[in-house]
Amino acid sequence: QVQLVESGGGLVQPGGSLRLSCEASKSIFSSYYMGWYRRAPGKQRELVARITSGGITNYADSVKGRFTISRDNAKNTVSLQMNSLKPEDTAVYYCYAGSTIGIVLWGQGTQVTVSS
């Protein structure tokens, strides 16, 4: 079964760090962009970061300089290192695989809560 399996997330204090990981099947990982969206309560879905199969990255302005997306081709895994977390980063984070045409696969989502 083709799927994306997420791990990480949880509760952290403002200024803290968390790392999210997403493992995909090899066929998915090598063929598509990988990235993360998030949805906060009462807000629209927001693209957080993405990385192409060639390693080109894009970030939302709100996370630039704080979040880093990376991919491990040997493990078919994409990770999102989140530093200097703020309360406004609180959301459900979803891993995805996609292309310029659209998103082909979603992860199950993982909750990130930034609170003191």
Protein backbone atom coordinates (compact mmCIF):
# COMPACT_ATOMS: atom_id res chain seq x y z
CA GLN A 1 0.00 0.00 0.00
CA VAL A 2 1.38 3.36 -1.00
CA GLN A 3 1.47 5.70 1.95
CA LEU A 4 3.35 8.36 3.80
CA VAL A 5 4.20 7.62 7.43
CA GLU A 6 4.84 10.60 9.66
CA SER A 7 6.58 10.75 13.00
CA GLY A 8 7.55 13.47 15.42
CA GLY A 9 5.45 16.33 16.66
CA GLY A 10 4.23 16.97 20.15
CA LEU A 11 4.21 19.72 22.75
CA VAL A 12 7.08 22.17 23.05
CA GLN A 13 7.64 25.50 24.76
CA PRO A 14 8.11 28.69 22.75
CA GLY A 15 11.67 28.90 21.49
CA GLY A 16 12.03 25.14 21.47
CA SER A 17 12.64 22.70 18.64
CA LEU A 18 10.93 19.73 17.09
CA ARG A 19 11.72 17.45 14.20
CA LEU A 20 9.12 15.87 11.93
CA SER A 21 9.89 12.96 9.65
CA CYS A 22 7.96 11.38 6.80
CA GLU A 23 8.84 8.05 5.21
CA ALA A 24 7.60 7.18 1.74
CA SER A 25 7.87 4.26 -0.62
CA LYS A 26 10.85 4.48 -2.95
CA SER A 27 8.68 4.98 -6.04
CA ILE A 28 6.95 7.96 -4.49
CA PHE A 29 10.04 9.48 -2.94
CA SER A 30 12.08 9.45 -6.14
CA SER A 31 9.30 10.75 -8.37
CA TYR A 32 7.74 13.66 -6.54
CA TYR A 33 8.29 16.78 -4.52
CA MET A 34 8.03 16.10 -0.82
CA GLY A 35 6.92 18.69 1.66
CA TRP A 36 4.81 19.79 4.56
CA TYR A 37 1.57 21.69 4.88
CA ARG A 38 -0.01 22.77 8.11
CA ARG A 39 -3.50 23.70 9.21
CA ALA A 40 -4.08 25.73 12.33
CA PRO A 41 -7.51 25.96 13.96
CA GLY A 42 -9.69 28.44 12.11
CA LYS A 43 -7.08 29.06 9.41
CA GLN A 44 -6.53 27.94 5.86
CA ARG A 45 -4.03 25.28 4.97
CA GLU A 46 -0.55 26.71 4.52
CA LEU A 47 2.41 25.32 2.59
CA VAL A 48 5.29 25.26 5.07
CA ALA A 49 8.16 23.88 3.00
CA ARG A 50 8.89 21.59 0.11
CA ILE A 51 11.91 19.95 -1.47
CA THR A 52 12.30 18.57 -4.97
CA SER A 53 13.95 15.30 -5.86
CA GLY A 54 16.97 17.38 -6.80
CA GLY A 55 17.10 19.07 -3.41
CA ILE A 56 15.70 22.50 -4.29
CA THR A 57 13.81 23.93 -1.34
CA ASN A 58 11.04 26.47 -0.82
CA TYR A 59 9.72 27.88 2.43
CA ALA A 60 6.82 29.94 3.61
CA ASP A 61 7.95 33.42 4.64
CA SER A 62 6.65 32.74 8.13
CA VAL A 63 9.18 29.93 8.72
CA LYS A 64 12.23 31.07 6.75
CA GLY A 65 15.34 31.02 8.88
CA ARG A 66 13.68 28.82 11.51
CA PHE A 67 12.65 25.64 9.67
CA THR A 68 14.81 23.41 7.51
CA ILE A 69 13.54 20.71 5.19
CA SER A 70 15.84 17.92 4.10
CA ARG A 71 15.64 14.54 2.43
CA ASP A 72 17.51 11.30 3.01
CA ASN A 73 17.45 9.43 -0.28
CA ALA A 74 18.84 6.25 1.29
CA LYS A 75 15.94 6.09 3.74
CA ASN A 76 13.24 7.59 1.49
CA THR A 77 12.57 10.09 4.24
CA VAL A 78 11.95 13.80 4.32
CA SER A 79 12.42 15.71 7.56
CA LEU A 80 11.41 19.12 8.84
CA GLN A 81 13.62 20.57 11.54
CA MET A 82 11.71 23.28 13.36
CA ASN A 83 13.65 25.67 15.57
CA SER A 84 12.69 28.80 17.48
CA LEU A 85 9.11 27.64 17.54
CA LYS A 86 6.36 30.16 18.20
CA PRO A 87 2.80 29.71 19.45
CA GLU A 88 1.58 30.60 15.96
CA ASP A 89 3.33 27.48 14.65
CA THR A 90 0.75 25.40 16.47
CA ALA A 91 -1.06 23.31 13.87
CA VAL A 92 -1.54 19.87 12.45
CA TYR A 93 1.34 19.23 10.05
CA TYR A 94 0.79 17.06 7.01
CA CYS A 95 3.48 15.49 4.88
CA TYR A 96 2.70 15.32 1.19
CA ALA A 97 4.05 14.10 -2.12
CA GLY A 98 3.26 16.07 -5.22
CA SER A 99 4.29 17.78 -8.42
CA THR A 100 3.51 20.92 -10.37
CA ILE A 101 0.23 19.25 -11.34
CA GLY A 102 -0.94 18.64 -7.81
CA ILE A 103 -0.68 16.62 -4.64
CA VAL A 104 -0.81 12.86 -5.07
CA LEU A 105 -0.49 11.60 -1.52
CA TRP A 106 -1.01 12.90 2.02
CA GLY A 107 0.29 11.75 5.35
CA GLN A 108 -2.03 11.23 8.31
CA GLY A 109 -1.03 14.47 10.03
CA THR A 110 0.79 15.10 13.28
CA GLN A 111 -0.03 17.68 15.93
CA VAL A 112 2.51 20.33 16.86
CA THR A 113 1.63 22.46 19.87
CA VAL A 114 3.80 25.36 20.98
CA SER A 115 2.77 26.55 24.40
CA SER A 116 4.20 27.43 27.77
